[in-house]
Amino acid sequence: MSSDQMQPFQGGPIPQQVAFDRREMSVIMSLYGRMVAAGEWRDYGISCLRDLAVFSIFRRTAEHPLYRIEKQPRLRNRQGLYSVVGMDGQILKRGSDLKAVLRVLERKLIRAVK
């Protein structure tokens, strides 16, 4: 790749586009499937942008997302690579371990099943 497509970042190049890898998608889709089965979530969207990747979760397709799971490589040495953002834009949880960050949403699954 040419130098204008890749930029140096913490000892390695940053891809032109940030995306969730297979392991990350497996963790996210596992939670998503459980929430769909509980009747809480109905649709999702994925955006892969230059600075971040976003997995948006919807109750209905035409609405604003209930939650956004974001991956921002530039924040991995600061607040953490992953964050869960609520409908109002408030960051609910942030960290470098995706499973730990998603626990904030799993609590909602426990309430939905009761």
N, C-alpha and C. Protein backbone atom coordinates (compact mmCIF):
# COMPACT_ATOMS: atom_id res chain seq x y z
N MET A 1 0.83 -1.19 0.00
CA MET A 1 0.00 0.00 0.00
C MET A 1 0.87 1.24 0.00
N SER A 2 0.37 2.28 -0.56
CA SER A 2 1.14 3.51 -0.61
C SER A 2 1.10 4.21 0.74
N SER A 3 2.01 5.12 0.96
CA SER A 3 2.12 5.80 2.25
C SER A 3 0.91 6.69 2.55
N ASP A 4 0.17 7.13 1.53
CA ASP A 4 -1.00 7.95 1.80
C ASP A 4 -2.21 7.10 2.20
N GLN A 5 -2.14 5.78 2.00
CA GLN A 5 -3.23 4.91 2.44
C GLN A 5 -3.02 4.41 3.86
N MET A 6 -1.79 4.38 4.35
CA MET A 6 -1.49 3.91 5.69
C MET A 6 -0.75 5.01 6.44
N GLN A 7 -1.03 5.13 7.72
CA GLN A 7 -0.34 6.09 8.56
C GLN A 7 0.35 5.34 9.69
N PRO A 8 1.53 5.77 10.12
CA PRO A 8 2.17 5.10 11.25
C PRO A 8 1.37 5.32 12.53
N PHE A 9 1.26 4.27 13.37
CA PHE A 9 0.49 4.38 14.60
C PHE A 9 1.02 3.40 15.63
N GLN A 10 1.59 3.90 16.69
CA GLN A 10 2.04 3.10 17.81
C GLN A 10 2.81 1.85 17.37
N GLY A 11 3.81 2.02 16.55
CA GLY A 11 4.63 0.91 16.13
C GLY A 11 4.11 0.15 14.94
N GLY A 12 2.98 0.54 14.39
CA GLY A 12 2.42 -0.14 13.23
C GLY A 12 1.49 0.78 12.48
N PRO A 13 1.16 0.44 11.25
CA PRO A 13 0.28 1.30 10.45
C PRO A 13 -1.19 1.14 10.85
N ILE A 14 -1.95 2.20 10.70
CA ILE A 14 -3.40 2.17 10.90
C ILE A 14 -4.03 1.89 9.54
N PRO A 15 -4.96 0.98 9.47
CA PRO A 15 -5.63 0.74 8.18
C PRO A 15 -6.42 1.97 7.74
N GLN A 16 -6.68 2.06 6.46
CA GLN A 16 -7.46 3.16 5.90
C GLN A 16 -8.87 3.18 6.51
N GLN A 17 -9.35 2.02 6.91
CA GLN A 17 -10.70 1.89 7.43
C GLN A 17 -10.66 0.98 8.66
N VAL A 18 -11.31 1.38 9.73
CA VAL A 18 -11.38 0.58 10.95
C VAL A 18 -12.56 -0.37 10.83
N ALA A 19 -12.37 -1.62 11.25
CA ALA A 19 -13.44 -2.62 11.20
C ALA A 19 -13.31 -3.56 12.39
N PHE A 20 -14.40 -4.23 12.72
CA PHE A 20 -14.37 -5.27 13.75
C PHE A 20 -13.80 -6.53 13.12
N ASP A 21 -12.92 -7.23 13.84
CA ASP A 21 -12.39 -8.49 13.32
C ASP A 21 -13.36 -9.64 13.64
N ARG A 22 -13.04 -10.82 13.18
CA ARG A 22 -13.93 -11.98 13.33
C ARG A 22 -14.21 -12.30 14.81
N ARG A 23 -13.19 -12.23 15.65
CA ARG A 23 -13.37 -12.52 17.08
C ARG A 23 -14.30 -11.49 17.73
N GLU A 24 -14.10 -10.22 17.41
CA GLU A 24 -14.94 -9.17 17.96
C GLU A 24 -16.39 -9.34 17.50
N MET A 25 -16.58 -9.64 16.23
CA MET A 25 -17.94 -9.84 15.71
C MET A 25 -18.61 -11.04 16.37
N SER A 26 -17.85 -12.07 16.66
CA SER A 26 -18.41 -13.24 17.34
C SER A 26 -18.94 -12.87 18.71
N VAL A 27 -18.18 -12.09 19.46
CA VAL A 27 -18.60 -11.64 20.80
C VAL A 27 -19.85 -10.77 20.70
N ILE A 28 -19.84 -9.83 19.77
CA ILE A 28 -20.97 -8.90 19.61
C ILE A 28 -22.21 -9.66 19.16
N MET A 29 -22.08 -10.55 18.17
CA MET A 29 -23.24 -11.26 17.64
C MET A 29 -23.81 -12.26 18.65
N SER A 30 -22.99 -12.77 19.53
CA SER A 30 -23.48 -13.65 20.59
C SER A 30 -24.44 -12.89 21.50
N LEU A 31 -24.03 -11.71 21.94
CA LEU A 31 -24.90 -10.86 22.76
C LEU A 31 -26.13 -10.43 21.97
N TYR A 32 -25.93 -10.03 20.72
CA TYR A 32 -27.05 -9.57 19.89
C TYR A 32 -28.10 -10.68 19.74
N GLY A 33 -27.66 -11.91 19.48
CA GLY A 33 -28.59 -13.02 19.32
C GLY A 33 -29.41 -13.29 20.56
N ARG A 34 -28.77 -13.20 21.73
CA ARG A 34 -29.51 -13.39 22.98
C ARG A 34 -30.54 -12.30 23.21
N MET A 35 -30.20 -11.06 22.85
CA MET A 35 -31.13 -9.94 23.03
C MET A 35 -32.29 -10.01 22.03
N VAL A 36 -32.03 -10.48 20.83
CA VAL A 36 -33.11 -10.68 19.85
C VAL A 36 -34.05 -11.77 20.36
N ALA A 37 -33.49 -12.86 20.86
CA ALA A 37 -34.32 -13.96 21.39
C ALA A 37 -35.17 -13.49 22.56
N ALA A 38 -34.67 -12.54 23.34
CA ALA A 38 -35.43 -11.99 24.47
C ALA A 38 -36.45 -10.94 24.02
N GLY A 39 -36.43 -10.58 22.74
CA GLY A 39 -37.39 -9.61 22.20
C GLY A 39 -37.02 -8.16 22.43
N GLU A 40 -35.77 -7.90 22.84
CA GLU A 40 -35.35 -6.54 23.14
C GLU A 40 -34.83 -5.78 21.91
N TRP A 41 -34.10 -6.46 21.07
CA TRP A 41 -33.50 -5.83 19.89
C TRP A 41 -34.04 -6.47 18.64
N ARG A 42 -34.09 -5.68 17.54
CA ARG A 42 -34.65 -6.22 16.31
C ARG A 42 -33.77 -6.03 15.07
N ASP A 43 -32.84 -5.08 15.11
CA ASP A 43 -32.06 -4.80 13.90
C ASP A 43 -30.71 -4.22 14.31
N TYR A 44 -29.77 -4.26 13.38
CA TYR A 44 -28.46 -3.68 13.63
C TYR A 44 -27.89 -3.11 12.34
N GLY A 45 -26.89 -2.27 12.49
CA GLY A 45 -26.16 -1.71 11.36
C GLY A 45 -24.69 -1.62 11.71
N ILE A 46 -23.83 -1.78 10.72
CA ILE A 46 -22.39 -1.70 10.93
C ILE A 46 -21.83 -0.61 10.03
N SER A 47 -21.03 0.26 10.62
CA SER A 47 -20.34 1.31 9.87
C SER A 47 -18.84 1.18 10.10
N CYS A 48 -18.08 1.12 9.03
CA CYS A 48 -16.63 1.06 9.11
C CYS A 48 -16.08 2.35 8.52
N LEU A 49 -15.59 3.21 9.38
CA LEU A 49 -15.12 4.53 8.97
C LEU A 49 -13.60 4.62 9.11
N ARG A 50 -13.05 5.75 8.81
CA ARG A 50 -11.60 5.94 8.87
C ARG A 50 -11.06 5.86 10.29
N ASP A 51 -11.76 6.48 11.26
CA ASP A 51 -11.26 6.55 12.62
C ASP A 51 -11.93 5.58 13.58
N LEU A 52 -13.09 5.03 13.21
CA LEU A 52 -13.79 4.13 14.11
C LEU A 52 -14.71 3.20 13.36
N ALA A 53 -15.05 2.10 14.03
CA ALA A 53 -16.06 1.16 13.54
C ALA A 53 -17.21 1.21 14.54
N VAL A 54 -18.44 1.15 14.03
CA VAL A 54 -19.61 1.26 14.88
C VAL A 54 -20.58 0.13 14.58
N PHE A 55 -21.04 -0.54 15.62
CA PHE A 55 -22.12 -1.53 15.53
C PHE A 55 -23.31 -0.89 16.22
N SER A 56 -24.33 -0.50 15.44
CA SER A 56 -25.50 0.18 15.98
C SER A 56 -26.62 -0.82 16.21
N ILE A 57 -27.31 -0.70 17.33
CA ILE A 57 -28.36 -1.62 17.72
C ILE A 57 -29.69 -0.87 17.76
N PHE A 58 -30.71 -1.46 17.12
CA PHE A 58 -32.01 -0.81 16.99
C PHE A 58 -33.12 -1.67 17.59
N ARG A 59 -34.12 -1.03 18.14
CA ARG A 59 -35.33 -1.74 18.54
C ARG A 59 -36.23 -1.91 17.31
N ARG A 60 -36.32 -0.87 16.51
CA ARG A 60 -37.03 -0.91 15.22
C ARG A 60 -36.13 -0.28 14.18
N THR A 61 -36.28 -0.70 12.95
CA THR A 61 -35.38 -0.27 11.89
C THR A 61 -35.40 1.24 11.67
N ALA A 62 -36.54 1.88 11.76
CA ALA A 62 -36.66 3.29 11.42
C ALA A 62 -36.23 4.23 12.55
N GLU A 63 -35.84 3.71 13.69
CA GLU A 63 -35.49 4.55 14.82
C GLU A 63 -34.00 4.89 14.84
N HIS A 64 -33.65 5.75 15.79
CA HIS A 64 -32.25 6.00 16.11
C HIS A 64 -31.75 4.78 16.89
N PRO A 65 -30.46 4.51 16.85
CA PRO A 65 -29.98 3.32 17.57
C PRO A 65 -30.15 3.45 19.09
N LEU A 66 -30.51 2.32 19.72
CA LEU A 66 -30.58 2.27 21.19
C LEU A 66 -29.19 2.38 21.77
N TYR A 67 -28.25 1.63 21.17
CA TYR A 67 -26.87 1.60 21.62
C TYR A 67 -25.95 1.57 20.43
N ARG A 68 -24.72 2.04 20.66
CA ARG A 68 -23.66 1.92 19.66
C ARG A 68 -22.45 1.30 20.34
N ILE A 69 -21.92 0.27 19.74
CA ILE A 69 -20.68 -0.32 20.20
C ILE A 69 -19.60 0.23 19.27
N GLU A 70 -18.65 0.96 19.81
CA GLU A 70 -17.65 1.63 18.98
C GLU A 70 -16.26 1.09 19.24
N LYS A 71 -15.49 1.00 18.17
CA LYS A 71 -14.08 0.61 18.24
C LYS A 71 -13.27 1.77 17.68
N GLN A 72 -12.41 2.36 18.54
CA GLN A 72 -11.59 3.50 18.14
C GLN A 72 -10.13 3.19 18.46
N PRO A 73 -9.35 2.74 17.48
CA PRO A 73 -7.95 2.39 17.74
C PRO A 73 -7.12 3.51 18.34
N ARG A 74 -7.41 4.74 18.03
CA ARG A 74 -6.62 5.86 18.56
C ARG A 74 -6.75 6.00 20.07
N LEU A 75 -7.81 5.44 20.66
CA LEU A 75 -8.02 5.55 22.11
C LEU A 75 -7.51 4.34 22.88
N ARG A 76 -6.89 3.39 22.21
CA ARG A 76 -6.53 2.14 22.89
C ARG A 76 -5.54 2.32 24.02
N ASN A 77 -4.70 3.33 23.98
CA ASN A 77 -3.74 3.57 25.06
C ASN A 77 -4.25 4.60 26.07
N ARG A 78 -5.44 5.11 25.87
CA ARG A 78 -6.02 6.11 26.78
C ARG A 78 -7.20 5.49 27.52
N GLN A 79 -8.41 5.75 27.05
CA GLN A 79 -9.62 5.26 27.72
C GLN A 79 -9.91 3.80 27.38
N GLY A 80 -9.39 3.31 26.30
CA GLY A 80 -9.67 1.95 25.86
C GLY A 80 -10.22 1.94 24.45
N LEU A 81 -10.00 0.86 23.79
CA LEU A 81 -10.35 0.69 22.39
C LEU A 81 -11.86 0.68 22.14
N TYR A 82 -12.64 0.12 23.08
CA TYR A 82 -14.08 -0.08 22.88
C TYR A 82 -14.90 0.81 23.80
N SER A 83 -16.11 1.15 23.34
CA SER A 83 -17.05 1.87 24.18
C SER A 83 -18.48 1.51 23.78
N VAL A 84 -19.38 1.59 24.76
CA VAL A 84 -20.81 1.43 24.52
C VAL A 84 -21.43 2.78 24.78
N VAL A 85 -22.15 3.29 23.77
CA VAL A 85 -22.75 4.62 23.84
C VAL A 85 -24.27 4.46 23.81
N GLY A 86 -24.96 5.13 24.73
CA GLY A 86 -26.41 5.07 24.79
C GLY A 86 -27.07 5.94 23.74
N MET A 87 -28.39 5.86 23.70
CA MET A 87 -29.19 6.60 22.73
C MET A 87 -28.98 8.10 22.82
N ASP A 88 -28.73 8.58 24.03
CA ASP A 88 -28.55 10.02 24.26
C ASP A 88 -27.12 10.49 24.06
N GLY A 89 -26.21 9.58 23.65
CA GLY A 89 -24.83 9.95 23.42
C GLY A 89 -23.92 9.76 24.63
N GLN A 90 -24.50 9.36 25.75
CA GLN A 90 -23.72 9.12 26.97
C GLN A 90 -22.93 7.83 26.84
N ILE A 91 -21.66 7.88 27.23
CA ILE A 91 -20.83 6.68 27.21
C ILE A 91 -21.15 5.87 28.45
N LEU A 92 -21.68 4.65 28.24
CA LEU A 92 -22.09 3.80 29.34
C LEU A 92 -20.93 3.00 29.91
N LYS A 93 -20.00 2.60 29.05
CA LYS A 93 -18.84 1.83 29.50
C LYS A 93 -17.76 1.97 28.46
N ARG A 94 -16.51 1.97 28.92
CA ARG A 94 -15.37 2.11 28.03
C ARG A 94 -14.24 1.24 28.57
N GLY A 95 -13.46 0.64 27.66
CA GLY A 95 -12.34 -0.17 28.11
C GLY A 95 -11.64 -0.86 26.95
N SER A 96 -10.62 -1.65 27.31
CA SER A 96 -9.84 -2.34 26.28
C SER A 96 -10.25 -3.79 26.10
N ASP A 97 -11.14 -4.31 26.96
CA ASP A 97 -11.64 -5.68 26.85
C ASP A 97 -13.09 -5.64 26.39
N LEU A 98 -13.35 -6.13 25.17
CA LEU A 98 -14.69 -6.04 24.58
C LEU A 98 -15.73 -6.76 25.44
N LYS A 99 -15.43 -7.95 25.92
CA LYS A 99 -16.40 -8.69 26.73
C LYS A 99 -16.76 -7.93 28.01
N ALA A 100 -15.77 -7.33 28.64
CA ALA A 100 -16.02 -6.55 29.86
C ALA A 100 -16.87 -5.32 29.55
N VAL A 101 -16.62 -4.68 28.44
CA VAL A 101 -17.38 -3.48 28.06
C VAL A 101 -18.84 -3.85 27.76
N LEU A 102 -19.06 -5.00 27.13
CA LEU A 102 -20.42 -5.41 26.76
C LEU A 102 -21.25 -5.88 27.96
N ARG A 103 -20.62 -6.11 29.09
CA ARG A 103 -21.37 -6.54 30.28
C ARG A 103 -22.43 -5.51 30.69
N VAL A 104 -22.20 -4.25 30.37
CA VAL A 104 -23.19 -3.22 30.69
C VAL A 104 -24.50 -3.50 29.94
N LEU A 105 -24.43 -4.12 28.77
CA LEU A 105 -25.63 -4.47 28.02
C LEU A 105 -26.20 -5.81 28.46
N GLU A 106 -25.36 -6.72 28.93
CA GLU A 106 -25.84 -8.02 29.40
C GLU A 106 -26.71 -7.87 30.63
N ARG A 107 -26.48 -6.87 31.44
CA ARG A 107 -27.34 -6.62 32.59
C ARG A 107 -28.77 -6.37 32.15
N LYS A 108 -28.92 -5.74 31.00
CA LYS A 108 -30.27 -5.48 30.48
C LYS A 108 -30.92 -6.78 30.03
N LEU A 109 -30.15 -7.75 29.58
CA LEU A 109 -30.67 -9.06 29.21
C LEU A 109 -31.22 -9.77 30.44
N ILE A 110 -30.52 -9.69 31.54
CA ILE A 110 -30.97 -10.33 32.78
C ILE A 110 -32.31 -9.75 33.20
N ARG A 111 -32.49 -8.46 33.10
CA ARG A 111 -33.77 -7.83 33.44
C ARG A 111 -34.86 -8.23 32.47
N ALA A 112 -34.54 -8.40 31.19
CA ALA A 112 -35.54 -8.73 30.18
C ALA A 112 -36.07 -10.15 30.35
N VAL A 113 -35.25 -11.06 30.86
CA VAL A 113 -35.64 -12.45 31.00
C VAL A 113 -36.52 -12.67 32.22
N LYS A 114 -36.37 -11.86 33.25
CA LYS A 114 -37.13 -12.06 34.50
C LYS A 114 -38.60 -12.15 34.30
